[in-house]
Amino acid sequence: MAMKLTHNRAVLLMVAVTLMWSIAGVVTRHLDSARSFEVTFWRSFFTVLSLLVILPVFQGKDVFRRMLSGGSALWISGLCWCGMFTFFMVAITLTSVANVLVTMSIGPLLTALSARLFIGHKIPQRTWFAIVLAGVGIAYMYGSQMGEGVSLTGTLVALCVPISGAANWTVTQHSHAKGHDVDLIPAVLIGAIFSCLLTLPLALPFQASVRDLGLLAGLGLVQLAIPSTLAVLCTRVLKAPEVSLLGLLEVIFGILLAWVGANEVPGPNVLTGGLLVIGALAINELIGWRTRA
């Protein structure tokens, strides 16, 4: 499938992926009784069930045997995916969708910093500027919330999502440099399993209604398992700047869906800080794309 994916189709597919990713916030707002860790557990649980079907279709029946010999980097990547899955859903239940998505959007810049610190990648001057500008945007957003007496717990939890993502990228790149590529699709499954195990004790006693379980099953399949698998396929065709730029659509789609579908209006501080963060990332990636072209 990856070999038949043209560039234009990969772009369209990545747009569809970001749209699927973006539904988590609005769906979560329509849950009846499931809360916090229970929401996280059920989404991860249904992701595991979905991937147990999807993985053999995409990678053959021996994919699970290959996972056992995948090496330490595969399992560390799985732990990073676990962090992203868990922190994201917990954050969504603690603060606004816009807060979470804007905070997550600094992921590529944190990744650049992580690569510089741990594996010696050079950071271009434009990226340093983007990191500073994005930092100003996040600081403004946090500072405004503190001034309004808003709890920062959810936003700080959301910050752990791009940190986990940066760690994941650094580990996989370090492994690649040593000649051992990490298969990210099985790593997603490992992450979902770890997330289930981690959140199960905290999710008890279960309170989710049948309707909640239906919505969370939809998230596990449509918002996580399918788009994560498709995104990995897209990255084999698209360049990193293209993926980063298209990934910003998740922020836009997610805020709009929560606004229209759950009447969750983003505050002016979030919009201002978000514009700084997204603008910094977009400019950085566009300049990098043109330079390489």
C-alpha atoms as a PDB file:
ATOM      1  CA  MET A   1       0.000   0.000   0.000  1.00  0.00           C
ATOM      2  CA  ALA A   2       2.828   2.404   0.866  1.00  0.00           C
ATOM      3  CA  MET A   3       4.472   1.767  -2.525  1.00  0.00           C
ATOM      4  CA  LYS A   4       1.280   2.672  -4.415  1.00  0.00           C
ATOM      5  CA  LEU A   5       0.666   5.861  -2.434  1.00  0.00           C
ATOM      6  CA  THR A   6       1.424   8.889  -4.628  1.00  0.00           C
ATOM      7  CA  HIS A   7       2.432  12.228  -3.161  1.00  0.00           C
ATOM      8  CA  ASN A   8      -0.922  13.882  -3.831  1.00  0.00           C
ATOM      9  CA  ARG A   9      -2.828  10.959  -2.366  1.00  0.00           C
ATOM     10  CA  ALA A  10      -0.550  10.994   0.676  1.00  0.00           C
ATOM     11  CA  VAL A  11      -1.334  14.690   1.210  1.00  0.00           C
ATOM     12  CA  LEU A  12      -5.083  14.058   0.980  1.00  0.00           C
ATOM     13  CA  LEU A  13      -4.766  11.042   3.246  1.00  0.00           C
ATOM     14  CA  MET A  14      -2.810  13.070   5.815  1.00  0.00           C
ATOM     15  CA  VAL A  15      -5.558  15.716   5.811  1.00  0.00           C
ATOM     16  CA  ALA A  16      -8.088  12.937   6.498  1.00  0.00           C
ATOM     17  CA  VAL A  17      -5.820  11.635   9.274  1.00  0.00           C
ATOM     18  CA  THR A  18      -5.738  15.017  11.016  1.00  0.00           C
ATOM     19  CA  LEU A  19      -9.522  15.253  10.746  1.00  0.00           C
ATOM     20  CA  MET A  20      -9.879  11.844  12.409  1.00  0.00           C
ATOM     21  CA  TRP A  21      -7.396  12.788  15.125  1.00  0.00           C
ATOM     22  CA  SER A  22      -9.313  16.002  15.821  1.00  0.00           C
ATOM     23  CA  ILE A  23     -12.606  14.370  16.855  1.00  0.00           C
ATOM     24  CA  ALA A  24     -11.394  13.328  20.329  1.00  0.00           C
ATOM     25  CA  GLY A  25     -12.314  16.582  22.042  1.00  0.00           C
ATOM     26  CA  VAL A  26     -15.841  16.961  20.730  1.00  0.00           C
ATOM     27  CA  VAL A  27     -16.672  13.268  21.272  1.00  0.00           C
ATOM     28  CA  THR A  28     -15.356  13.384  24.844  1.00  0.00           C
ATOM     29  CA  ARG A  29     -17.641  16.326  25.601  1.00  0.00           C
ATOM     30  CA  HIS A  30     -20.673  14.153  24.802  1.00  0.00           C
ATOM     31  CA  LEU A  31     -19.869  11.335  27.246  1.00  0.00           C
ATOM     32  CA  ASP A  32     -22.494  10.671  29.920  1.00  0.00           C
ATOM     33  CA  SER A  33     -20.626   9.334  32.940  1.00  0.00           C
ATOM     34  CA  ALA A  34     -17.134   8.106  31.988  1.00  0.00           C
ATOM     35  CA  ARG A  35     -14.443  10.395  33.353  1.00  0.00           C
ATOM     36  CA  SER A  36     -10.657  10.917  33.260  1.00  0.00           C
ATOM     37  CA  PHE A  37      -8.764   7.630  33.596  1.00  0.00           C
ATOM     38  CA  GLU A  38     -11.782   5.540  32.621  1.00  0.00           C
ATOM     39  CA  VAL A  39     -12.047   7.498  29.367  1.00  0.00           C
ATOM     40  CA  THR A  40      -8.355   6.881  28.756  1.00  0.00           C
ATOM     41  CA  PHE A  41      -8.613   3.173  29.563  1.00  0.00           C
ATOM     42  CA  TRP A  42     -11.543   2.459  27.268  1.00  0.00           C
ATOM     43  CA  ARG A  43     -10.099   4.402  24.328  1.00  0.00           C
ATOM     44  CA  SER A  44      -6.803   2.520  24.662  1.00  0.00           C
ATOM     45  CA  PHE A  45      -8.631  -0.793  25.128  1.00  0.00           C
ATOM     46  CA  PHE A  46     -10.625  -0.358  21.930  1.00  0.00           C
ATOM     47  CA  THR A  47      -7.467   0.782  20.140  1.00  0.00           C
ATOM     48  CA  VAL A  48      -5.800  -2.499  21.121  1.00  0.00           C
ATOM     49  CA  LEU A  49      -8.752  -4.509  19.800  1.00  0.00           C
ATOM     50  CA  SER A  50      -8.726  -2.533  16.546  1.00  0.00           C
ATOM     51  CA  LEU A  51      -4.980  -2.903  15.985  1.00  0.00           C
ATOM     52  CA  LEU A  52      -5.098  -6.636  16.658  1.00  0.00           C
ATOM     53  CA  VAL A  53      -7.215  -6.795  13.490  1.00  0.00           C
ATOM     54  CA  ILE A  54      -5.525  -4.023  11.484  1.00  0.00           C
ATOM     55  CA  LEU A  55      -1.901  -5.053  12.016  1.00  0.00           C
ATOM     56  CA  PRO A  56      -2.094  -8.529  10.422  1.00  0.00           C
ATOM     57  CA  VAL A  57      -3.920  -7.004   7.436  1.00  0.00           C
ATOM     58  CA  PHE A  58      -1.193  -4.396   6.854  1.00  0.00           C
ATOM     59  CA  GLN A  59       1.886  -6.362   7.875  1.00  0.00           C
ATOM     60  CA  GLY A  60       1.043 -10.065   7.666  1.00  0.00           C
ATOM     61  CA  LYS A  61       0.179 -12.703  10.237  1.00  0.00           C
ATOM     62  CA  ASP A  62       3.723 -12.963  11.588  1.00  0.00           C
ATOM     63  CA  VAL A  63       3.740  -9.313  12.742  1.00  0.00           C
ATOM     64  CA  PHE A  64       3.239 -10.315  16.379  1.00  0.00           C
ATOM     65  CA  ARG A  65       6.156 -12.733  16.250  1.00  0.00           C
ATOM     66  CA  ARG A  66       8.351  -9.983  14.801  1.00  0.00           C
ATOM     67  CA  MET A  67       7.329  -7.666  17.631  1.00  0.00           C
ATOM     68  CA  LEU A  68       8.879 -10.017  20.183  1.00  0.00           C
ATOM     69  CA  SER A  69      12.255  -9.601  18.494  1.00  0.00           C
ATOM     70  CA  GLY A  70      11.847  -5.900  17.798  1.00  0.00           C
ATOM     71  CA  GLY A  71      14.550  -4.805  20.235  1.00  0.00           C
ATOM     72  CA  SER A  72      14.549  -2.372  23.123  1.00  0.00           C
ATOM     73  CA  ALA A  73      13.894   0.690  20.932  1.00  0.00           C
ATOM     74  CA  LEU A  74      10.516  -0.733  19.873  1.00  0.00           C
ATOM     75  CA  TRP A  75       9.416  -1.147  23.479  1.00  0.00           C
ATOM     76  CA  ILE A  76      10.742   2.269  24.517  1.00  0.00           C
ATOM     77  CA  SER A  77       8.828   3.751  21.589  1.00  0.00           C
ATOM     78  CA  GLY A  78       5.763   1.887  22.866  1.00  0.00           C
ATOM     79  CA  LEU A  79       6.220   3.512  26.278  1.00  0.00           C
ATOM     80  CA  CYS A  80       6.378   6.914  24.579  1.00  0.00           C
ATOM     81  CA  TRP A  81       3.162   6.168  22.678  1.00  0.00           C
ATOM     82  CA  CYS A  82       1.618   5.151  26.007  1.00  0.00           C
ATOM     83  CA  GLY A  83       2.569   8.548  27.411  1.00  0.00           C
ATOM     84  CA  MET A  84       1.035  10.370  24.450  1.00  0.00           C
ATOM     85  CA  PHE A  85      -2.218   8.385  24.582  1.00  0.00           C
ATOM     86  CA  THR A  86      -2.618   8.648  28.348  1.00  0.00           C
ATOM     87  CA  PHE A  87      -1.618  12.272  28.890  1.00  0.00           C
ATOM     88  CA  PHE A  88      -3.744  13.425  25.941  1.00  0.00           C
ATOM     89  CA  MET A  89      -7.006  11.898  27.117  1.00  0.00           C
ATOM     90  CA  VAL A  90      -6.483  12.884  30.749  1.00  0.00           C
ATOM     91  CA  ALA A  91      -5.717  16.463  29.660  1.00  0.00           C
ATOM     92  CA  ILE A  92      -8.851  16.584  27.477  1.00  0.00           C
ATOM     93  CA  THR A  93     -10.943  15.764  30.567  1.00  0.00           C
ATOM     94  CA  LEU A  94      -9.219  18.463  32.653  1.00  0.00           C
ATOM     95  CA  THR A  95      -9.089  21.509  30.385  1.00  0.00           C
ATOM     96  CA  SER A  96     -10.416  22.896  27.117  1.00  0.00           C
ATOM     97  CA  VAL A  97      -9.795  21.202  23.793  1.00  0.00           C
ATOM     98  CA  ALA A  98      -8.117  24.369  22.480  1.00  0.00           C
ATOM     99  CA  ASN A  99      -5.677  24.435  25.417  1.00  0.00           C
ATOM    100  CA  VAL A 100      -4.660  20.836  24.809  1.00  0.00           C
ATOM    101  CA  LEU A 101      -4.261  21.135  21.040  1.00  0.00           C
ATOM    102  CA  VAL A 102      -2.310  24.398  21.138  1.00  0.00           C
ATOM    103  CA  THR A 103       0.024  22.972  23.777  1.00  0.00           C
ATOM    104  CA  MET A 104       0.520  19.819  21.709  1.00  0.00           C
ATOM    105  CA  SER A 105       1.386  21.834  18.614  1.00  0.00           C
ATOM    106  CA  ILE A 106       4.829  22.704  20.015  1.00  0.00           C
ATOM    107  CA  GLY A 107       5.783  19.039  19.522  1.00  0.00           C
ATOM    108  CA  PRO A 108       8.022  19.538  16.444  1.00  0.00           C
ATOM    109  CA  LEU A 109       9.961  22.299  18.213  1.00  0.00           C
ATOM    110  CA  LEU A 110      10.438  20.206  21.351  1.00  0.00           C
ATOM    111  CA  THR A 111      11.575  17.389  19.074  1.00  0.00           C
ATOM    112  CA  ALA A 112      14.218  19.662  17.541  1.00  0.00           C
ATOM    113  CA  LEU A 113      15.474  20.569  21.036  1.00  0.00           C
ATOM    114  CA  SER A 114      15.501  16.929  22.115  1.00  0.00           C
ATOM    115  CA  ALA A 115      17.446  15.914  19.015  1.00  0.00           C
ATOM    116  CA  ARG A 116      19.980  18.668  19.705  1.00  0.00           C
ATOM    117  CA  LEU A 117      20.463  17.694  23.340  1.00  0.00           C
ATOM    118  CA  PHE A 118      20.557  13.913  23.031  1.00  0.00           C
ATOM    119  CA  ILE A 119      21.765  12.963  19.563  1.00  0.00           C
ATOM    120  CA  GLY A 120      23.628  16.090  18.478  1.00  0.00           C
ATOM    121  CA  HIS A 121      21.410  17.299  15.626  1.00  0.00           C
ATOM    122  CA  LYS A 122      22.107  20.902  14.663  1.00  0.00           C
ATOM    123  CA  ILE A 123      19.232  23.361  15.022  1.00  0.00           C
ATOM    124  CA  PRO A 124      19.006  26.028  12.280  1.00  0.00           C
ATOM    125  CA  GLN A 125      18.753  29.652  13.388  1.00  0.00           C
ATOM    126  CA  ARG A 126      15.189  29.878  12.091  1.00  0.00           C
ATOM    127  CA  THR A 127      14.179  26.969  14.359  1.00  0.00           C
ATOM    128  CA  TRP A 128      15.747  28.654  17.409  1.00  0.00           C
ATOM    129  CA  PHE A 129      13.654  31.723  16.579  1.00  0.00           C
ATOM    130  CA  ALA A 130      10.543  29.564  16.208  1.00  0.00           C
ATOM    131  CA  ILE A 131      11.224  27.873  19.570  1.00  0.00           C
ATOM    132  CA  VAL A 132      11.501  31.252  21.305  1.00  0.00           C
ATOM    133  CA  LEU A 133       8.361  32.606  19.625  1.00  0.00           C
ATOM    134  CA  ALA A 134       6.379  29.470  20.441  1.00  0.00           C
ATOM    135  CA  GLY A 135       7.650  29.674  24.019  1.00  0.00           C
ATOM    136  CA  VAL A 136       6.334  33.231  24.255  1.00  0.00           C
ATOM    137  CA  GLY A 137       2.948  32.051  22.959  1.00  0.00           C
ATOM    138  CA  ILE A 138       2.719  29.212  25.484  1.00  0.00           C
ATOM    139  CA  ALA A 139       3.927  31.461  28.325  1.00  0.00           C
ATOM    140  CA  TYR A 140       1.292  34.057  27.428  1.00  0.00           C
ATOM    141  CA  MET A 141      -1.420  31.411  27.352  1.00  0.00           C
ATOM    142  CA  TYR A 142      -0.348  29.968  30.724  1.00  0.00           C
ATOM    143  CA  GLY A 143       0.167  33.387  32.297  1.00  0.00           C
ATOM    144  CA  SER A 144      -3.252  34.600  31.238  1.00  0.00           C
ATOM    145  CA  GLN A 145      -4.877  31.523  32.728  1.00  0.00           C
ATOM    146  CA  MET A 146      -3.047  32.030  36.023  1.00  0.00           C
ATOM    147  CA  GLY A 147      -4.212  35.636  36.082  1.00  0.00           C
ATOM    148  CA  GLU A 148      -7.787  34.463  35.591  1.00  0.00           C
ATOM    149  CA  GLY A 149      -7.514  31.901  38.368  1.00  0.00           C
ATOM    150  CA  VAL A 150      -7.838  28.963  35.959  1.00  0.00           C
ATOM    151  CA  SER A 151      -6.263  25.661  37.039  1.00  0.00           C
ATOM    152  CA  LEU A 152      -3.182  24.852  34.990  1.00  0.00           C
ATOM    153  CA  THR A 153      -3.269  21.133  35.788  1.00  0.00           C
ATOM    154  CA  GLY A 154      -4.848  20.134  32.478  1.00  0.00           C
ATOM    155  CA  THR A 155      -2.514  22.298  30.433  1.00  0.00           C
ATOM    156  CA  LEU A 156       0.557  20.949  32.232  1.00  0.00           C
ATOM    157  CA  VAL A 157      -0.652  17.397  31.636  1.00  0.00           C
ATOM    158  CA  ALA A 158      -1.125  18.313  27.959  1.00  0.00           C
ATOM    159  CA  LEU A 159       2.491  19.498  27.855  1.00  0.00           C
ATOM    160  CA  CYS A 160       3.554  15.924  28.606  1.00  0.00           C
ATOM    161  CA  VAL A 161       2.110  14.842  25.223  1.00  0.00           C
ATOM    162  CA  PRO A 162       4.663  16.681  23.012  1.00  0.00           C
ATOM    163  CA  ILE A 163       7.413  15.783  25.503  1.00  0.00           C
ATOM    164  CA  SER A 164       6.538  12.102  25.039  1.00  0.00           C
ATOM    165  CA  GLY A 165       6.410  12.619  21.276  1.00  0.00           C
ATOM    166  CA  ALA A 166       9.835  14.268  21.234  1.00  0.00           C
ATOM    167  CA  ALA A 167      11.267  11.380  23.262  1.00  0.00           C
ATOM    168  CA  ASN A 168       9.710   8.908  20.831  1.00  0.00           C
ATOM    169  CA  TRP A 169      11.218  10.599  17.781  1.00  0.00           C
ATOM    170  CA  THR A 170      14.648  10.868  19.437  1.00  0.00           C
ATOM    171  CA  VAL A 171      14.679   7.178  20.364  1.00  0.00           C
ATOM    172  CA  THR A 172      13.607   6.051  16.890  1.00  0.00           C
ATOM    173  CA  GLN A 173      16.135   8.329  15.171  1.00  0.00           C
ATOM    174  CA  HIS A 174      18.932   7.147  17.457  1.00  0.00           C
ATOM    175  CA  SER A 175      18.000   3.557  16.671  1.00  0.00           C
ATOM    176  CA  HIS A 176      17.899   4.355  12.936  1.00  0.00           C
ATOM    177  CA  ALA A 177      21.406   5.857  13.133  1.00  0.00           C
ATOM    178  CA  LYS A 178      22.612   2.533  14.537  1.00  0.00           C
ATOM    179  CA  GLY A 179      21.011   0.620  11.673  1.00  0.00           C
ATOM    180  CA  HIS A 180      17.911  -0.584  13.520  1.00  0.00           C
ATOM    181  CA  ASP A 181      14.676   0.952  12.261  1.00  0.00           C
ATOM    182  CA  VAL A 182      11.682   0.931  14.613  1.00  0.00           C
ATOM    183  CA  ASP A 183       8.383  -0.215  13.104  1.00  0.00           C
ATOM    184  CA  LEU A 184       6.045   2.451  14.472  1.00  0.00           C
ATOM    185  CA  ILE A 185       2.738   0.680  13.833  1.00  0.00           C
ATOM    186  CA  PRO A 186       3.460  -2.214  16.253  1.00  0.00           C
ATOM    187  CA  ALA A 187       4.846   0.414  18.643  1.00  0.00           C
ATOM    188  CA  VAL A 188       1.398   2.048  18.631  1.00  0.00           C
ATOM    189  CA  LEU A 189      -0.133  -1.275  19.699  1.00  0.00           C
ATOM    190  CA  ILE A 190       2.419  -1.672  22.486  1.00  0.00           C
ATOM    191  CA  GLY A 191       1.668   1.872  23.631  1.00  0.00           C
ATOM    192  CA  ALA A 192      -2.062   1.191  23.735  1.00  0.00           C
ATOM    193  CA  ILE A 193      -1.509  -2.003  25.766  1.00  0.00           C
ATOM    194  CA  PHE A 194       0.722  -0.160  28.244  1.00  0.00           C
ATOM    195  CA  SER A 195      -1.879   2.612  28.504  1.00  0.00           C
ATOM    196  CA  CYS A 196      -4.584   0.045  29.314  1.00  0.00           C
ATOM    197  CA  LEU A 197      -2.465  -1.567  32.014  1.00  0.00           C
ATOM    198  CA  LEU A 198      -1.480   1.777  33.507  1.00  0.00           C
ATOM    199  CA  THR A 199      -4.961   3.280  33.675  1.00  0.00           C
ATOM    200  CA  LEU A 200      -7.026   0.191  34.557  1.00  0.00           C
ATOM    201  CA  PRO A 201      -6.496   0.408  38.359  1.00  0.00           C
ATOM    202  CA  LEU A 202      -7.240   4.145  38.254  1.00  0.00           C
ATOM    203  CA  ALA A 203     -10.359   3.656  36.109  1.00  0.00           C
ATOM    204  CA  LEU A 204     -12.133   1.371  38.577  1.00  0.00           C
ATOM    205  CA  PRO A 205     -14.974   1.230  39.389  1.00  0.00           C
ATOM    206  CA  PHE A 206     -16.274   1.592  35.844  1.00  0.00           C
ATOM    207  CA  GLN A 207     -19.088   4.117  35.397  1.00  0.00           C
ATOM    208  CA  ALA A 208     -19.319   4.362  31.606  1.00  0.00           C
ATOM    209  CA  SER A 209     -22.781   3.967  30.099  1.00  0.00           C
ATOM    210  CA  VAL A 210     -23.459   1.834  27.036  1.00  0.00           C
ATOM    211  CA  ARG A 211     -23.549   5.047  24.997  1.00  0.00           C
ATOM    212  CA  ASP A 212     -20.166   6.061  26.428  1.00  0.00           C
ATOM    213  CA  LEU A 213     -18.678   2.712  25.445  1.00  0.00           C
ATOM    214  CA  GLY A 214     -19.967   3.153  21.904  1.00  0.00           C
ATOM    215  CA  LEU A 215     -18.396   6.600  21.623  1.00  0.00           C
ATOM    216  CA  LEU A 216     -15.100   5.436  23.136  1.00  0.00           C
ATOM    217  CA  ALA A 217     -15.022   2.410  20.848  1.00  0.00           C
ATOM    218  CA  GLY A 218     -15.374   4.852  17.954  1.00  0.00           C
ATOM    219  CA  LEU A 219     -12.446   6.870  19.308  1.00  0.00           C
ATOM    220  CA  GLY A 220     -10.302   3.762  19.670  1.00  0.00           C
ATOM    221  CA  LEU A 221     -10.922   2.743  16.062  1.00  0.00           C
ATOM    222  CA  VAL A 222     -11.557   5.963  14.107  1.00  0.00           C
ATOM    223  CA  GLN A 223      -9.619   8.538  16.131  1.00  0.00           C
ATOM    224  CA  LEU A 224      -6.555   6.477  17.012  1.00  0.00           C
ATOM    225  CA  ALA A 225      -6.021   3.033  15.454  1.00  0.00           C
ATOM    226  CA  ILE A 226      -6.882   3.844  11.834  1.00  0.00           C
ATOM    227  CA  PRO A 227      -5.317   7.341  11.577  1.00  0.00           C
ATOM    228  CA  SER A 228      -2.139   6.317  13.439  1.00  0.00           C
ATOM    229  CA  THR A 229      -1.653   3.458  10.988  1.00  0.00           C
ATOM    230  CA  LEU A 230      -2.349   5.687   7.984  1.00  0.00           C
ATOM    231  CA  ALA A 231      -0.062   8.442   9.316  1.00  0.00           C
ATOM    232  CA  VAL A 232       2.870   6.022   9.458  1.00  0.00           C
ATOM    233  CA  LEU A 233       2.190   5.106   5.825  1.00  0.00           C
ATOM    234  CA  CYS A 234       2.038   8.804   4.872  1.00  0.00           C
ATOM    235  CA  THR A 235       5.407   9.520   6.488  1.00  0.00           C
ATOM    236  CA  ARG A 236       6.988   7.053   4.073  1.00  0.00           C
ATOM    237  CA  VAL A 237       5.939   9.304   1.174  1.00  0.00           C
ATOM    238  CA  LEU A 238       5.813  12.835   2.616  1.00  0.00           C
ATOM    239  CA  LYS A 239       8.780  14.826   3.893  1.00  0.00           C
ATOM    240  CA  ALA A 240       8.972  15.815   7.561  1.00  0.00           C
ATOM    241  CA  PRO A 241       8.078  19.514   6.965  1.00  0.00           C
ATOM    242  CA  GLU A 242       4.995  18.476   4.993  1.00  0.00           C
ATOM    243  CA  VAL A 243       3.862  16.166   7.782  1.00  0.00           C
ATOM    244  CA  SER A 244       4.439  18.904  10.398  1.00  0.00           C
ATOM    245  CA  LEU A 245       2.498  21.498   8.411  1.00  0.00           C
ATOM    246  CA  LEU A 246      -0.383  19.166   7.638  1.00  0.00           C
ATOM    247  CA  GLY A 247      -0.386  18.077  11.278  1.00  0.00           C
ATOM    248  CA  LEU A 248      -1.320  21.636  12.274  1.00  0.00           C
ATOM    249  CA  LEU A 249      -4.735  21.000  10.726  1.00  0.00           C
ATOM    250  CA  GLU A 250      -5.532  18.845  13.776  1.00  0.00           C
ATOM    251  CA  VAL A 251      -5.394  21.966  15.946  1.00  0.00           C
ATOM    252  CA  ILE A 252      -7.689  23.912  13.621  1.00  0.00           C
ATOM    253  CA  PHE A 253     -10.123  21.049  13.057  1.00  0.00           C
ATOM    254  CA  GLY A 254     -10.176  20.127  16.750  1.00  0.00           C
ATOM    255  CA  ILE A 255     -10.921  23.656  17.988  1.00  0.00           C
ATOM    256  CA  LEU A 256     -13.620  24.161  15.327  1.00  0.00           C
ATOM    257  CA  LEU A 257     -15.299  20.824  16.074  1.00  0.00           C
ATOM    258  CA  ALA A 258     -15.342  21.522  19.821  1.00  0.00           C
ATOM    259  CA  TRP A 259     -16.673  25.005  19.122  1.00  0.00           C
ATOM    260  CA  VAL A 260     -19.451  23.886  16.772  1.00  0.00           C
ATOM    261  CA  GLY A 261     -20.189  20.464  18.241  1.00  0.00           C
ATOM    262  CA  ALA A 262     -19.843  21.150  21.973  1.00  0.00           C
ATOM    263  CA  ASN A 263     -20.186  24.945  22.230  1.00  0.00           C
ATOM    264  CA  GLU A 264     -16.669  25.159  23.684  1.00  0.00           C
ATOM    265  CA  VAL A 265     -15.581  28.654  22.674  1.00  0.00           C
ATOM    266  CA  PRO A 266     -11.794  29.190  22.896  1.00  0.00           C
ATOM    267  CA  GLY A 267     -10.756  32.152  25.036  1.00  0.00           C
ATOM    268  CA  PRO A 268      -8.882  35.117  23.532  1.00  0.00           C
ATOM    269  CA  ASN A 269      -5.712  34.177  25.446  1.00  0.00           C
ATOM    270  CA  VAL A 270      -5.737  30.710  23.875  1.00  0.00           C
ATOM    271  CA  LEU A 271      -6.325  32.129  20.398  1.00  0.00           C
ATOM    272  CA  THR A 272      -3.521  34.687  20.773  1.00  0.00           C
ATOM    273  CA  GLY A 273      -1.047  32.215  22.225  1.00  0.00           C
ATOM    274  CA  GLY A 274      -2.121  29.612  19.687  1.00  0.00           C
ATOM    275  CA  LEU A 275      -1.527  31.958  16.766  1.00  0.00           C
ATOM    276  CA  LEU A 276       2.023  32.610  18.008  1.00  0.00           C
ATOM    277  CA  VAL A 277       2.751  28.900  18.422  1.00  0.00           C
ATOM    278  CA  ILE A 278       1.204  27.758  15.142  1.00  0.00           C
ATOM    279  CA  GLY A 279       2.612  30.728  13.226  1.00  0.00           C
ATOM    280  CA  ALA A 280       6.118  30.006  14.545  1.00  0.00           C
ATOM    281  CA  LEU A 281       5.916  26.363  13.541  1.00  0.00           C
ATOM    282  CA  ALA A 282       4.387  27.066  10.130  1.00  0.00           C
ATOM    283  CA  ILE A 283       6.985  29.705   9.221  1.00  0.00           C
ATOM    284  CA  ASN A 284       9.828  27.473  10.396  1.00  0.00           C
ATOM    285  CA  GLU A 285       8.640  24.501   8.367  1.00  0.00           C
ATOM    286  CA  LEU A 286       7.876  26.555   5.245  1.00  0.00           C
ATOM    287  CA  ILE A 287      11.339  28.164   5.266  1.00  0.00           C
ATOM    288  CA  GLY A 288      12.955  24.769   5.838  1.00  0.00           C
ATOM    289  CA  TRP A 289      10.939  23.258   3.010  1.00  0.00           C
ATOM    290  CA  ARG A 290      11.956  26.019   0.578  1.00  0.00           C
ATOM    291  CA  THR A 291      15.609  25.807   1.654  1.00  0.00           C
ATOM    292  CA  ARG A 292      15.756  22.064   1.025  1.00  0.00           C
ATOM    293  CA  ALA A 293      13.888  22.442  -2.270  1.00  0.00           C
END
